[in-house]
PDBML (XML) file of the C-alpha atoms, coordinates in Angstrom:
<?xml version="1.0" encoding="UTF-8" ?>
<PDBx:datablock datablockName="MODEL"
   xmlns:PDBx="http://pdbml.pdb.org/schema/pdbx-v50.xsd"
   xmlns:xsi="http://www.w3.org/2001/XMLSchema-instance"
   xsi:schemaLocation="http://pdbml.pdb.org/schema/pdbx-v50.xsd pdbx-v50.xsd">
   <PDBx:atom_siteCategory>
      <PDBx:atom_site id="1">
         <PDBx:B_iso_or_equiv>0.00</PDBx:B_iso_or_equiv>
         <PDBx:Cartn_x>-81.574</PDBx:Cartn_x>
         <PDBx:Cartn_y>-34.346</PDBx:Cartn_y>
         <PDBx:Cartn_z>209.052</PDBx:Cartn_z>
         <PDBx:auth_asym_id>A</PDBx:auth_asym_id>
         <PDBx:auth_atom_id>CA</PDBx:auth_atom_id>
         <PDBx:auth_comp_id>UNK</PDBx:auth_comp_id>
         <PDBx:auth_seq_id>1</PDBx:auth_seq_id>
         <PDBx:group_PDB>ATOM</PDBx:group_PDB>
         <PDBx:label_alt_id xsi:nil="true" />
         <PDBx:label_asym_id>A</PDBx:label_asym_id>
         <PDBx:label_atom_id>CA</PDBx:label_atom_id>
         <PDBx:label_comp_id>UNK</PDBx:label_comp_id>
         <PDBx:label_entity_id>1</PDBx:label_entity_id>
         <PDBx:label_seq_id>1</PDBx:label_seq_id>
         <PDBx:occupancy>1.00</PDBx:occupancy>
         <PDBx:pdbx_PDB_model_num>1</PDBx:pdbx_PDB_model_num>
         <PDBx:type_symbol>C</PDBx:type_symbol>
      </PDBx:atom_site>
      <PDBx:atom_site id="2">
         <PDBx:B_iso_or_equiv>0.00</PDBx:B_iso_or_equiv>
         <PDBx:Cartn_x>-84.229</PDBx:Cartn_x>
         <PDBx:Cartn_y>-31.669</PDBx:Cartn_y>
         <PDBx:Cartn_z>209.409</PDBx:Cartn_z>
         <PDBx:auth_asym_id>A</PDBx:auth_asym_id>
         <PDBx:auth_atom_id>CA</PDBx:auth_atom_id>
         <PDBx:auth_comp_id>UNK</PDBx:auth_comp_id>
         <PDBx:auth_seq_id>2</PDBx:auth_seq_id>
         <PDBx:group_PDB>ATOM</PDBx:group_PDB>
         <PDBx:label_alt_id xsi:nil="true" />
         <PDBx:label_asym_id>A</PDBx:label_asym_id>
         <PDBx:label_atom_id>CA</PDBx:label_atom_id>
         <PDBx:label_comp_id>UNK</PDBx:label_comp_id>
         <PDBx:label_entity_id>1</PDBx:label_entity_id>
         <PDBx:label_seq_id>2</PDBx:label_seq_id>
         <PDBx:occupancy>1.00</PDBx:occupancy>
         <PDBx:pdbx_PDB_model_num>1</PDBx:pdbx_PDB_model_num>
         <PDBx:type_symbol>C</PDBx:type_symbol>
      </PDBx:atom_site>
      <PDBx:atom_site id="3">
         <PDBx:B_iso_or_equiv>0.00</PDBx:B_iso_or_equiv>
         <PDBx:Cartn_x>-84.943</PDBx:Cartn_x>
         <PDBx:Cartn_y>-31.765</PDBx:Cartn_y>
         <PDBx:Cartn_z>205.675</PDBx:Cartn_z>
         <PDBx:auth_asym_id>A</PDBx:auth_asym_id>
         <PDBx:auth_atom_id>CA</PDBx:auth_atom_id>
         <PDBx:auth_comp_id>UNK</PDBx:auth_comp_id>
         <PDBx:auth_seq_id>3</PDBx:auth_seq_id>
         <PDBx:group_PDB>ATOM</PDBx:group_PDB>
         <PDBx:label_alt_id xsi:nil="true" />
         <PDBx:label_asym_id>A</PDBx:label_asym_id>
         <PDBx:label_atom_id>CA</PDBx:label_atom_id>
         <PDBx:label_comp_id>UNK</PDBx:label_comp_id>
         <PDBx:label_entity_id>1</PDBx:label_entity_id>
         <PDBx:label_seq_id>3</PDBx:label_seq_id>
         <PDBx:occupancy>1.00</PDBx:occupancy>
         <PDBx:pdbx_PDB_model_num>1</PDBx:pdbx_PDB_model_num>
         <PDBx:type_symbol>C</PDBx:type_symbol>
      </PDBx:atom_site>
      <PDBx:atom_site id="4">
         <PDBx:B_iso_or_equiv>0.00</PDBx:B_iso_or_equiv>
         <PDBx:Cartn_x>-85.266</PDBx:Cartn_x>
         <PDBx:Cartn_y>-35.565</PDBx:Cartn_y>
         <PDBx:Cartn_z>205.604</PDBx:Cartn_z>
         <PDBx:auth_asym_id>A</PDBx:auth_asym_id>
         <PDBx:auth_atom_id>CA</PDBx:auth_atom_id>
         <PDBx:auth_comp_id>UNK</PDBx:auth_comp_id>
         <PDBx:auth_seq_id>4</PDBx:auth_seq_id>
         <PDBx:group_PDB>ATOM</PDBx:group_PDB>
         <PDBx:label_alt_id xsi:nil="true" />
         <PDBx:label_asym_id>A</PDBx:label_asym_id>
         <PDBx:label_atom_id>CA</PDBx:label_atom_id>
         <PDBx:label_comp_id>UNK</PDBx:label_comp_id>
         <PDBx:label_entity_id>1</PDBx:label_entity_id>
         <PDBx:label_seq_id>4</PDBx:label_seq_id>
         <PDBx:occupancy>1.00</PDBx:occupancy>
         <PDBx:pdbx_PDB_model_num>1</PDBx:pdbx_PDB_model_num>
         <PDBx:type_symbol>C</PDBx:type_symbol>
      </PDBx:atom_site>
      <PDBx:atom_site id="5">
         <PDBx:B_iso_or_equiv>0.00</PDBx:B_iso_or_equiv>
         <PDBx:Cartn_x>-87.500</PDBx:Cartn_x>
         <PDBx:Cartn_y>-35.906</PDBx:Cartn_y>
         <PDBx:Cartn_z>208.651</PDBx:Cartn_z>
         <PDBx:auth_asym_id>A</PDBx:auth_asym_id>
         <PDBx:auth_atom_id>CA</PDBx:auth_atom_id>
         <PDBx:auth_comp_id>UNK</PDBx:auth_comp_id>
         <PDBx:auth_seq_id>5</PDBx:auth_seq_id>
         <PDBx:group_PDB>ATOM</PDBx:group_PDB>
         <PDBx:label_alt_id xsi:nil="true" />
         <PDBx:label_asym_id>A</PDBx:label_asym_id>
         <PDBx:label_atom_id>CA</PDBx:label_atom_id>
         <PDBx:label_comp_id>UNK</PDBx:label_comp_id>
         <PDBx:label_entity_id>1</PDBx:label_entity_id>
         <PDBx:label_seq_id>5</PDBx:label_seq_id>
         <PDBx:occupancy>1.00</PDBx:occupancy>
         <PDBx:pdbx_PDB_model_num>1</PDBx:pdbx_PDB_model_num>
         <PDBx:type_symbol>C</PDBx:type_symbol>
      </PDBx:atom_site>
      <PDBx:atom_site id="6">
         <PDBx:B_iso_or_equiv>0.00</PDBx:B_iso_or_equiv>
         <PDBx:Cartn_x>-89.407</PDBx:Cartn_x>
         <PDBx:Cartn_y>-32.643</PDBx:Cartn_y>
         <PDBx:Cartn_z>208.184</PDBx:Cartn_z>
         <PDBx:auth_asym_id>A</PDBx:auth_asym_id>
         <PDBx:auth_atom_id>CA</PDBx:auth_atom_id>
         <PDBx:auth_comp_id>UNK</PDBx:auth_comp_id>
         <PDBx:auth_seq_id>6</PDBx:auth_seq_id>
         <PDBx:group_PDB>ATOM</PDBx:group_PDB>
         <PDBx:label_alt_id xsi:nil="true" />
         <PDBx:label_asym_id>A</PDBx:label_asym_id>
         <PDBx:label_atom_id>CA</PDBx:label_atom_id>
         <PDBx:label_comp_id>UNK</PDBx:label_comp_id>
         <PDBx:label_entity_id>1</PDBx:label_entity_id>
         <PDBx:label_seq_id>6</PDBx:label_seq_id>
         <PDBx:occupancy>1.00</PDBx:occupancy>
         <PDBx:pdbx_PDB_model_num>1</PDBx:pdbx_PDB_model_num>
         <PDBx:type_symbol>C</PDBx:type_symbol>
      </PDBx:atom_site>
      <PDBx:atom_site id="7">
         <PDBx:B_iso_or_equiv>0.00</PDBx:B_iso_or_equiv>
         <PDBx:Cartn_x>-90.552</PDBx:Cartn_x>
         <PDBx:Cartn_y>-33.594</PDBx:Cartn_y>
         <PDBx:Cartn_z>204.682</PDBx:Cartn_z>
         <PDBx:auth_asym_id>A</PDBx:auth_asym_id>
         <PDBx:auth_atom_id>CA</PDBx:auth_atom_id>
         <PDBx:auth_comp_id>UNK</PDBx:auth_comp_id>
         <PDBx:auth_seq_id>7</PDBx:auth_seq_id>
         <PDBx:group_PDB>ATOM</PDBx:group_PDB>
         <PDBx:label_alt_id xsi:nil="true" />
         <PDBx:label_asym_id>A</PDBx:label_asym_id>
         <PDBx:label_atom_id>CA</PDBx:label_atom_id>
         <PDBx:label_comp_id>UNK</PDBx:label_comp_id>
         <PDBx:label_entity_id>1</PDBx:label_entity_id>
         <PDBx:label_seq_id>7</PDBx:label_seq_id>
         <PDBx:occupancy>1.00</PDBx:occupancy>
         <PDBx:pdbx_PDB_model_num>1</PDBx:pdbx_PDB_model_num>
         <PDBx:type_symbol>C</PDBx:type_symbol>
      </PDBx:atom_site>
      <PDBx:atom_site id="8">
         <PDBx:B_iso_or_equiv>0.00</PDBx:B_iso_or_equiv>
         <PDBx:Cartn_x>-91.873</PDBx:Cartn_x>
         <PDBx:Cartn_y>-36.938</PDBx:Cartn_y>
         <PDBx:Cartn_z>205.897</PDBx:Cartn_z>
         <PDBx:auth_asym_id>A</PDBx:auth_asym_id>
         <PDBx:auth_atom_id>CA</PDBx:auth_atom_id>
         <PDBx:auth_comp_id>UNK</PDBx:auth_comp_id>
         <PDBx:auth_seq_id>8</PDBx:auth_seq_id>
         <PDBx:group_PDB>ATOM</PDBx:group_PDB>
         <PDBx:label_alt_id xsi:nil="true" />
         <PDBx:label_asym_id>A</PDBx:label_asym_id>
         <PDBx:label_atom_id>CA</PDBx:label_atom_id>
         <PDBx:label_comp_id>UNK</PDBx:label_comp_id>
         <PDBx:label_entity_id>1</PDBx:label_entity_id>
         <PDBx:label_seq_id>8</PDBx:label_seq_id>
         <PDBx:occupancy>1.00</PDBx:occupancy>
         <PDBx:pdbx_PDB_model_num>1</PDBx:pdbx_PDB_model_num>
         <PDBx:type_symbol>C</PDBx:type_symbol>
      </PDBx:atom_site>
      <PDBx:atom_site id="9">
         <PDBx:B_iso_or_equiv>0.00</PDBx:B_iso_or_equiv>
         <PDBx:Cartn_x>-93.711</PDBx:Cartn_x>
         <PDBx:Cartn_y>-35.620</PDBx:Cartn_y>
         <PDBx:Cartn_z>208.949</PDBx:Cartn_z>
         <PDBx:auth_asym_id>A</PDBx:auth_asym_id>
         <PDBx:auth_atom_id>CA</PDBx:auth_atom_id>
         <PDBx:auth_comp_id>UNK</PDBx:auth_comp_id>
         <PDBx:auth_seq_id>9</PDBx:auth_seq_id>
         <PDBx:group_PDB>ATOM</PDBx:group_PDB>
         <PDBx:label_alt_id xsi:nil="true" />
         <PDBx:label_asym_id>A</PDBx:label_asym_id>
         <PDBx:label_atom_id>CA</PDBx:label_atom_id>
         <PDBx:label_comp_id>UNK</PDBx:label_comp_id>
         <PDBx:label_entity_id>1</PDBx:label_entity_id>
         <PDBx:label_seq_id>9</PDBx:label_seq_id>
         <PDBx:occupancy>1.00</PDBx:occupancy>
         <PDBx:pdbx_PDB_model_num>1</PDBx:pdbx_PDB_model_num>
         <PDBx:type_symbol>C</PDBx:type_symbol>
      </PDBx:atom_site>
      <PDBx:atom_site id="10">
         <PDBx:B_iso_or_equiv>0.00</PDBx:B_iso_or_equiv>
         <PDBx:Cartn_x>-95.429</PDBx:Cartn_x>
         <PDBx:Cartn_y>-32.937</PDBx:Cartn_y>
         <PDBx:Cartn_z>206.861</PDBx:Cartn_z>
         <PDBx:auth_asym_id>A</PDBx:auth_asym_id>
         <PDBx:auth_atom_id>CA</PDBx:auth_atom_id>
         <PDBx:auth_comp_id>UNK</PDBx:auth_comp_id>
         <PDBx:auth_seq_id>10</PDBx:auth_seq_id>
         <PDBx:group_PDB>ATOM</PDBx:group_PDB>
         <PDBx:label_alt_id xsi:nil="true" />
         <PDBx:label_asym_id>A</PDBx:label_asym_id>
         <PDBx:label_atom_id>CA</PDBx:label_atom_id>
         <PDBx:label_comp_id>UNK</PDBx:label_comp_id>
         <PDBx:label_entity_id>1</PDBx:label_entity_id>
         <PDBx:label_seq_id>10</PDBx:label_seq_id>
         <PDBx:occupancy>1.00</PDBx:occupancy>
         <PDBx:pdbx_PDB_model_num>1</PDBx:pdbx_PDB_model_num>
         <PDBx:type_symbol>C</PDBx:type_symbol>
      </PDBx:atom_site>
      <PDBx:atom_site id="11">
         <PDBx:B_iso_or_equiv>0.00</PDBx:B_iso_or_equiv>
         <PDBx:Cartn_x>-96.924</PDBx:Cartn_x>
         <PDBx:Cartn_y>-35.682</PDBx:Cartn_y>
         <PDBx:Cartn_z>204.707</PDBx:Cartn_z>
         <PDBx:auth_asym_id>A</PDBx:auth_asym_id>
         <PDBx:auth_atom_id>CA</PDBx:auth_atom_id>
         <PDBx:auth_comp_id>UNK</PDBx:auth_comp_id>
         <PDBx:auth_seq_id>11</PDBx:auth_seq_id>
         <PDBx:group_PDB>ATOM</PDBx:group_PDB>
         <PDBx:label_alt_id xsi:nil="true" />
         <PDBx:label_asym_id>A</PDBx:label_asym_id>
         <PDBx:label_atom_id>CA</PDBx:label_atom_id>
         <PDBx:label_comp_id>UNK</PDBx:label_comp_id>
         <PDBx:label_entity_id>1</PDBx:label_entity_id>
         <PDBx:label_seq_id>11</PDBx:label_seq_id>
         <PDBx:occupancy>1.00</PDBx:occupancy>
         <PDBx:pdbx_PDB_model_num>1</PDBx:pdbx_PDB_model_num>
         <PDBx:type_symbol>C</PDBx:type_symbol>
      </PDBx:atom_site>
      <PDBx:atom_site id="12">
         <PDBx:B_iso_or_equiv>0.00</PDBx:B_iso_or_equiv>
         <PDBx:Cartn_x>-97.828</PDBx:Cartn_x>
         <PDBx:Cartn_y>-37.633</PDBx:Cartn_y>
         <PDBx:Cartn_z>207.853</PDBx:Cartn_z>
         <PDBx:auth_asym_id>A</PDBx:auth_asym_id>
         <PDBx:auth_atom_id>CA</PDBx:auth_atom_id>
         <PDBx:auth_comp_id>UNK</PDBx:auth_comp_id>
         <PDBx:auth_seq_id>12</PDBx:auth_seq_id>
         <PDBx:group_PDB>ATOM</PDBx:group_PDB>
         <PDBx:label_alt_id xsi:nil="true" />
         <PDBx:label_asym_id>A</PDBx:label_asym_id>
         <PDBx:label_atom_id>CA</PDBx:label_atom_id>
         <PDBx:label_comp_id>UNK</PDBx:label_comp_id>
         <PDBx:label_entity_id>1</PDBx:label_entity_id>
         <PDBx:label_seq_id>12</PDBx:label_seq_id>
         <PDBx:occupancy>1.00</PDBx:occupancy>
         <PDBx:pdbx_PDB_model_num>1</PDBx:pdbx_PDB_model_num>
         <PDBx:type_symbol>C</PDBx:type_symbol>
      </PDBx:atom_site>
      <PDBx:atom_site id="13">
         <PDBx:B_iso_or_equiv>0.00</PDBx:B_iso_or_equiv>
         <PDBx:Cartn_x>-99.774</PDBx:Cartn_x>
         <PDBx:Cartn_y>-34.661</PDBx:Cartn_y>
         <PDBx:Cartn_z>209.178</PDBx:Cartn_z>
         <PDBx:auth_asym_id>A</PDBx:auth_asym_id>
         <PDBx:auth_atom_id>CA</PDBx:auth_atom_id>
         <PDBx:auth_comp_id>UNK</PDBx:auth_comp_id>
         <PDBx:auth_seq_id>13</PDBx:auth_seq_id>
         <PDBx:group_PDB>ATOM</PDBx:group_PDB>
         <PDBx:label_alt_id xsi:nil="true" />
         <PDBx:label_asym_id>A</PDBx:label_asym_id>
         <PDBx:label_atom_id>CA</PDBx:label_atom_id>
         <PDBx:label_comp_id>UNK</PDBx:label_comp_id>
         <PDBx:label_entity_id>1</PDBx:label_entity_id>
         <PDBx:label_seq_id>13</PDBx:label_seq_id>
         <PDBx:occupancy>1.00</PDBx:occupancy>
         <PDBx:pdbx_PDB_model_num>1</PDBx:pdbx_PDB_model_num>
         <PDBx:type_symbol>C</PDBx:type_symbol>
      </PDBx:atom_site>
      <PDBx:atom_site id="14">
         <PDBx:B_iso_or_equiv>0.00</PDBx:B_iso_or_equiv>
         <PDBx:Cartn_x>-101.609</PDBx:Cartn_x>
         <PDBx:Cartn_y>-34.347</PDBx:Cartn_y>
         <PDBx:Cartn_z>205.864</PDBx:Cartn_z>
         <PDBx:auth_asym_id>A</PDBx:auth_asym_id>
         <PDBx:auth_atom_id>CA</PDBx:auth_atom_id>
         <PDBx:auth_comp_id>UNK</PDBx:auth_comp_id>
         <PDBx:auth_seq_id>14</PDBx:auth_seq_id>
         <PDBx:group_PDB>ATOM</PDBx:group_PDB>
         <PDBx:label_alt_id xsi:nil="true" />
         <PDBx:label_asym_id>A</PDBx:label_asym_id>
         <PDBx:label_atom_id>CA</PDBx:label_atom_id>
         <PDBx:label_comp_id>UNK</PDBx:label_comp_id>
         <PDBx:label_entity_id>1</PDBx:label_entity_id>
         <PDBx:label_seq_id>14</PDBx:label_seq_id>
         <PDBx:occupancy>1.00</PDBx:occupancy>
         <PDBx:pdbx_PDB_model_num>1</PDBx:pdbx_PDB_model_num>
         <PDBx:type_symbol>C</PDBx:type_symbol>
      </PDBx:atom_site>
      <PDBx:atom_site id="15">
         <PDBx:B_iso_or_equiv>0.00</PDBx:B_iso_or_equiv>
         <PDBx:Cartn_x>-102.661</PDBx:Cartn_x>
         <PDBx:Cartn_y>-37.993</PDBx:Cartn_y>
         <PDBx:Cartn_z>206.207</PDBx:Cartn_z>
         <PDBx:auth_asym_id>A</PDBx:auth_asym_id>
         <PDBx:auth_atom_id>CA</PDBx:auth_atom_id>
         <PDBx:auth_comp_id>UNK</PDBx:auth_comp_id>
         <PDBx:auth_seq_id>15</PDBx:auth_seq_id>
         <PDBx:group_PDB>ATOM</PDBx:group_PDB>
         <PDBx:label_alt_id xsi:nil="true" />
         <PDBx:label_asym_id>A</PDBx:label_asym_id>
         <PDBx:label_atom_id>CA</PDBx:label_atom_id>
         <PDBx:label_comp_id>UNK</PDBx:label_comp_id>
         <PDBx:label_entity_id>1</PDBx:label_entity_id>
         <PDBx:label_seq_id>15</PDBx:label_seq_id>
         <PDBx:occupancy>1.00</PDBx:occupancy>
         <PDBx:pdbx_PDB_model_num>1</PDBx:pdbx_PDB_model_num>
         <PDBx:type_symbol>C</PDBx:type_symbol>
      </PDBx:atom_site>
      <PDBx:atom_site id="16">
         <PDBx:B_iso_or_equiv>0.00</PDBx:B_iso_or_equiv>
         <PDBx:Cartn_x>-104.291</PDBx:Cartn_x>
         <PDBx:Cartn_y>-37.091</PDBx:Cartn_y>
         <PDBx:Cartn_z>209.526</PDBx:Cartn_z>
         <PDBx:auth_asym_id>A</PDBx:auth_asym_id>
         <PDBx:auth_atom_id>CA</PDBx:auth_atom_id>
         <PDBx:auth_comp_id>UNK</PDBx:auth_comp_id>
         <PDBx:auth_seq_id>16</PDBx:auth_seq_id>
         <PDBx:group_PDB>ATOM</PDBx:group_PDB>
         <PDBx:label_alt_id xsi:nil="true" />
         <PDBx:label_asym_id>A</PDBx:label_asym_id>
         <PDBx:label_atom_id>CA</PDBx:label_atom_id>
         <PDBx:label_comp_id>UNK</PDBx:label_comp_id>
         <PDBx:label_entity_id>1</PDBx:label_entity_id>
         <PDBx:label_seq_id>16</PDBx:label_seq_id>
         <PDBx:occupancy>1.00</PDBx:occupancy>
         <PDBx:pdbx_PDB_model_num>1</PDBx:pdbx_PDB_model_num>
         <PDBx:type_symbol>C</PDBx:type_symbol>
      </PDBx:atom_site>
      <PDBx:atom_site id="17">
         <PDBx:B_iso_or_equiv>0.00</PDBx:B_iso_or_equiv>
         <PDBx:Cartn_x>-106.110</PDBx:Cartn_x>
         <PDBx:Cartn_y>-34.029</PDBx:Cartn_y>
         <PDBx:Cartn_z>208.202</PDBx:Cartn_z>
         <PDBx:auth_asym_id>A</PDBx:auth_asym_id>
         <PDBx:auth_atom_id>CA</PDBx:auth_atom_id>
         <PDBx:auth_comp_id>UNK</PDBx:auth_comp_id>
         <PDBx:auth_seq_id>17</PDBx:auth_seq_id>
         <PDBx:group_PDB>ATOM</PDBx:group_PDB>
         <PDBx:label_alt_id xsi:nil="true" />
         <PDBx:label_asym_id>A</PDBx:label_asym_id>
         <PDBx:label_atom_id>CA</PDBx:label_atom_id>
         <PDBx:label_comp_id>UNK</PDBx:label_comp_id>
         <PDBx:label_entity_id>1</PDBx:label_entity_id>
         <PDBx:label_seq_id>17</PDBx:label_seq_id>
         <PDBx:occupancy>1.00</PDBx:occupancy>
         <PDBx:pdbx_PDB_model_num>1</PDBx:pdbx_PDB_model_num>
         <PDBx:type_symbol>C</PDBx:type_symbol>
      </PDBx:atom_site>
      <PDBx:atom_site id="18">
         <PDBx:B_iso_or_equiv>0.00</PDBx:B_iso_or_equiv>
         <PDBx:Cartn_x>-109.907</PDBx:Cartn_x>
         <PDBx:Cartn_y>-34.368</PDBx:Cartn_y>
         <PDBx:Cartn_z>208.032</PDBx:Cartn_z>
         <PDBx:auth_asym_id>A</PDBx:auth_asym_id>
         <PDBx:auth_atom_id>CA</PDBx:auth_atom_id>
         <PDBx:auth_comp_id>UNK</PDBx:auth_comp_id>
         <PDBx:auth_seq_id>18</PDBx:auth_seq_id>
         <PDBx:group_PDB>ATOM</PDBx:group_PDB>
         <PDBx:label_alt_id xsi:nil="true" />
         <PDBx:label_asym_id>A</PDBx:label_asym_id>
         <PDBx:label_atom_id>CA</PDBx:label_atom_id>
         <PDBx:label_comp_id>UNK</PDBx:label_comp_id>
         <PDBx:label_entity_id>1</PDBx:label_entity_id>
         <PDBx:label_seq_id>18</PDBx:label_seq_id>
         <PDBx:occupancy>1.00</PDBx:occupancy>
         <PDBx:pdbx_PDB_model_num>1</PDBx:pdbx_PDB_model_num>
         <PDBx:type_symbol>C</PDBx:type_symbol>
      </PDBx:atom_site>
      <PDBx:atom_site id="19">
         <PDBx:B_iso_or_equiv>0.00</PDBx:B_iso_or_equiv>
         <PDBx:Cartn_x>-111.416</PDBx:Cartn_x>
         <PDBx:Cartn_y>-34.732</PDBx:Cartn_y>
         <PDBx:Cartn_z>204.581</PDBx:Cartn_z>
         <PDBx:auth_asym_id>A</PDBx:auth_asym_id>
         <PDBx:auth_atom_id>CA</PDBx:auth_atom_id>
         <PDBx:auth_comp_id>UNK</PDBx:auth_comp_id>
         <PDBx:auth_seq_id>19</PDBx:auth_seq_id>
         <PDBx:group_PDB>ATOM</PDBx:group_PDB>
         <PDBx:label_alt_id xsi:nil="true" />
         <PDBx:label_asym_id>A</PDBx:label_asym_id>
         <PDBx:label_atom_id>CA</PDBx:label_atom_id>
         <PDBx:label_comp_id>UNK</PDBx:label_comp_id>
         <PDBx:label_entity_id>1</PDBx:label_entity_id>
         <PDBx:label_seq_id>19</PDBx:label_seq_id>
         <PDBx:occupancy>1.00</PDBx:occupancy>
         <PDBx:pdbx_PDB_model_num>1</PDBx:pdbx_PDB_model_num>
         <PDBx:type_symbol>C</PDBx:type_symbol>
      </PDBx:atom_site>
      <PDBx:atom_site id="20">
         <PDBx:B_iso_or_equiv>0.00</PDBx:B_iso_or_equiv>
         <PDBx:Cartn_x>-114.926</PDBx:Cartn_x>
         <PDBx:Cartn_y>-33.971</PDBx:Cartn_y>
         <PDBx:Cartn_z>203.389</PDBx:Cartn_z>
         <PDBx:auth_asym_id>A</PDBx:auth_asym_id>
         <PDBx:auth_atom_id>CA</PDBx:auth_atom_id>
         <PDBx:auth_comp_id>UNK</PDBx:auth_comp_id>
         <PDBx:auth_seq_id>20</PDBx:auth_seq_id>
         <PDBx:group_PDB>ATOM</PDBx:group_PDB>
         <PDBx:label_alt_id xsi:nil="true" />
         <PDBx:label_asym_id>A</PDBx:label_asym_id>
         <PDBx:label_atom_id>CA</PDBx:label_atom_id>
         <PDBx:label_comp_id>UNK</PDBx:label_comp_id>
         <PDBx:label_entity_id>1</PDBx:label_entity_id>
         <PDBx:label_seq_id>20</PDBx:label_seq_id>
         <PDBx:occupancy>1.00</PDBx:occupancy>
         <PDBx:pdbx_PDB_model_num>1</PDBx:pdbx_PDB_model_num>
         <PDBx:type_symbol>C</PDBx:type_symbol>
      </PDBx:atom_site>
      <PDBx:atom_site id="21">
         <PDBx:B_iso_or_equiv>0.00</PDBx:B_iso_or_equiv>
         <PDBx:Cartn_x>-116.445</PDBx:Cartn_x>
         <PDBx:Cartn_y>-37.099</PDBx:Cartn_y>
         <PDBx:Cartn_z>201.907</PDBx:Cartn_z>
         <PDBx:auth_asym_id>A</PDBx:auth_asym_id>
         <PDBx:auth_atom_id>CA</PDBx:auth_atom_id>
         <PDBx:auth_comp_id>UNK</PDBx:auth_comp_id>
         <PDBx:auth_seq_id>21</PDBx:auth_seq_id>
         <PDBx:group_PDB>ATOM</PDBx:group_PDB>
         <PDBx:label_alt_id xsi:nil="true" />
         <PDBx:label_asym_id>A</PDBx:label_asym_id>
         <PDBx:label_atom_id>CA</PDBx:label_atom_id>
         <PDBx:label_comp_id>UNK</PDBx:label_comp_id>
         <PDBx:label_entity_id>1</PDBx:label_entity_id>
         <PDBx:label_seq_id>21</PDBx:label_seq_id>
         <PDBx:occupancy>1.00</PDBx:occupancy>
         <PDBx:pdbx_PDB_model_num>1</PDBx:pdbx_PDB_model_num>
         <PDBx:type_symbol>C</PDBx:type_symbol>
      </PDBx:atom_site>
      <PDBx:atom_site id="22">
         <PDBx:B_iso_or_equiv>0.00</PDBx:B_iso_or_equiv>
         <PDBx:Cartn_x>-119.810</PDBx:Cartn_x>
         <PDBx:Cartn_y>-36.963</PDBx:Cartn_y>
         <PDBx:Cartn_z>200.232</PDBx:Cartn_z>
         <PDBx:auth_asym_id>A</PDBx:auth_asym_id>
         <PDBx:auth_atom_id>CA</PDBx:auth_atom_id>
         <PDBx:auth_comp_id>UNK</PDBx:auth_comp_id>
         <PDBx:auth_seq_id>22</PDBx:auth_seq_id>
         <PDBx:group_PDB>ATOM</PDBx:group_PDB>
         <PDBx:label_alt_id xsi:nil="true" />
         <PDBx:label_asym_id>A</PDBx:label_asym_id>
         <PDBx:label_atom_id>CA</PDBx:label_atom_id>
         <PDBx:label_comp_id>UNK</PDBx:label_comp_id>
         <PDBx:label_entity_id>1</PDBx:label_entity_id>
         <PDBx:label_seq_id>22</PDBx:label_seq_id>
         <PDBx:occupancy>1.00</PDBx:occupancy>
         <PDBx:pdbx_PDB_model_num>1</PDBx:pdbx_PDB_model_num>
         <PDBx:type_symbol>C</PDBx:type_symbol>
      </PDBx:atom_site>
      <PDBx:atom_site id="23">
         <PDBx:B_iso_or_equiv>0.00</PDBx:B_iso_or_equiv>
         <PDBx:Cartn_x>-122.329</PDBx:Cartn_x>
         <PDBx:Cartn_y>-39.716</PDBx:Cartn_y>
         <PDBx:Cartn_z>200.903</PDBx:Cartn_z>
         <PDBx:auth_asym_id>A</PDBx:auth_asym_id>
         <PDBx:auth_atom_id>CA</PDBx:auth_atom_id>
         <PDBx:auth_comp_id>UNK</PDBx:auth_comp_id>
         <PDBx:auth_seq_id>23</PDBx:auth_seq_id>
         <PDBx:group_PDB>ATOM</PDBx:group_PDB>
         <PDBx:label_alt_id xsi:nil="true" />
         <PDBx:label_asym_id>A</PDBx:label_asym_id>
         <PDBx:label_atom_id>CA</PDBx:label_atom_id>
         <PDBx:label_comp_id>UNK</PDBx:label_comp_id>
         <PDBx:label_entity_id>1</PDBx:label_entity_id>
         <PDBx:label_seq_id>23</PDBx:label_seq_id>
         <PDBx:occupancy>1.00</PDBx:occupancy>
         <PDBx:pdbx_PDB_model_num>1</PDBx:pdbx_PDB_model_num>
         <PDBx:type_symbol>C</PDBx:type_symbol>
      </PDBx:atom_site>
      <PDBx:atom_site id="24">
         <PDBx:B_iso_or_equiv>0.00</PDBx:B_iso_or_equiv>
         <PDBx:Cartn_x>-121.998</PDBx:Cartn_x>
         <PDBx:Cartn_y>-42.263</PDBx:Cartn_y>
         <PDBx:Cartn_z>198.153</PDBx:Cartn_z>
         <PDBx:auth_asym_id>A</PDBx:auth_asym_id>
         <PDBx:auth_atom_id>CA</PDBx:auth_atom_id>
         <PDBx:auth_comp_id>UNK</PDBx:auth_comp_id>
         <PDBx:auth_seq_id>24</PDBx:auth_seq_id>
         <PDBx:group_PDB>ATOM</PDBx:group_PDB>
         <PDBx:label_alt_id xsi:nil="true" />
         <PDBx:label_asym_id>A</PDBx:label_asym_id>
         <PDBx:label_atom_id>CA</PDBx:label_atom_id>
         <PDBx:label_comp_id>UNK</PDBx:label_comp_id>
         <PDBx:label_entity_id>1</PDBx:label_entity_id>
         <PDBx:label_seq_id>24</PDBx:label_seq_id>
         <PDBx:occupancy>1.00</PDBx:occupancy>
         <PDBx:pdbx_PDB_model_num>1</PDBx:pdbx_PDB_model_num>
         <PDBx:type_symbol>C</PDBx:type_symbol>
      </PDBx:atom_site>
      <PDBx:atom_site id="25">
         <PDBx:B_iso_or_equiv>0.00</PDBx:B_iso_or_equiv>
         <PDBx:Cartn_x>-124.113</PDBx:Cartn_x>
         <PDBx:Cartn_y>-45.115</PDBx:Cartn_y>
         <PDBx:Cartn_z>196.918</PDBx:Cartn_z>
         <PDBx:auth_asym_id>A</PDBx:auth_asym_id>
         <PDBx:auth_atom_id>CA</PDBx:auth_atom_id>
         <PDBx:auth_comp_id>UNK</PDBx:auth_comp_id>
         <PDBx:auth_seq_id>25</PDBx:auth_seq_id>
         <PDBx:group_PDB>ATOM</PDBx:group_PDB>
         <PDBx:label_alt_id xsi:nil="true" />
         <PDBx:label_asym_id>A</PDBx:label_asym_id>
         <PDBx:label_atom_id>CA</PDBx:label_atom_id>
         <PDBx:label_comp_id>UNK</PDBx:label_comp_id>
         <PDBx:label_entity_id>1</PDBx:label_entity_id>
         <PDBx:label_seq_id>25</PDBx:label_seq_id>
         <PDBx:occupancy>1.00</PDBx:occupancy>
         <PDBx:pdbx_PDB_model_num>1</PDBx:pdbx_PDB_model_num>
         <PDBx:type_symbol>C</PDBx:type_symbol>
      </PDBx:atom_site>
   </PDBx:atom_siteCategory>
</PDBx:datablock>
């Protein structure tokens, strides 16, 4: 259970991580 849920929540936290986005056109 830990492996199943832990893998998914790690990806969820990456989705929430800030990202540097350069100014585009």
